[in-house]
Amino acid sequence: LKLPDTFSTRHGFKTPPTDHYTRPFFLTGEHRIGNLVCTKSRPSAEHMLDYALQFAQEYKNDSFFGFFWINSYSHNLDNLPTLLENNLINFFENLRDVGTLDNTFVIFLSDHGIRFGKVRFQTEAYYEERLPMLFMWVPHAFRETYPEEYHILKLNQYRLTTPYDL
């Protein structure tokens, strides 16, 4: 991928590293169209969110781990993520509607904050660059079964934590 690919910045994997691997799809779209943000006539992020939703629906009765990465909207442009807002709302509403959120943790995060521009020199940007946004949906069943652990999670939202704390 022309955009930085967090997990294969060198030559990539010789064989797919997981049972479901989207990189070939996005590489094909990127090479055929030459557009870093879109695959065919739709934004790549929409394709990834659709894929993640289908994945969650397919495995909703099993234990699963899915890791879906979108950077085409935000890596080099600071205002473009706002265009993704409605897609994310629809994605989370669909997860709720199909029952995935009943028994699934969803961790939504970014890998870094703003990397360029005047805003980067503000104090908040210093911390955001190193400890960016992290949102976690905790299923109600976990909240009820493990109230002490859930209480600790709620307390930690007001503390300086890192992705290592996950």
Foldseek 3Di string as FASTA:
>chain_A
DVPQDVPPNDPDDPDDPDPDDCVVQQVVQCVVVVDLQPRPPGGPVLVQLVVVLVVCLVQVVHDDDDDTDDPSQPDPDPPRVVVCVVVVVVSVVSCVVSPSLQQDKDKDWDDAADDDDPVCPDPVNVVCRHANDIDIRDHPVCCVVPVPVVVVVVVCVPPDDHPVVD
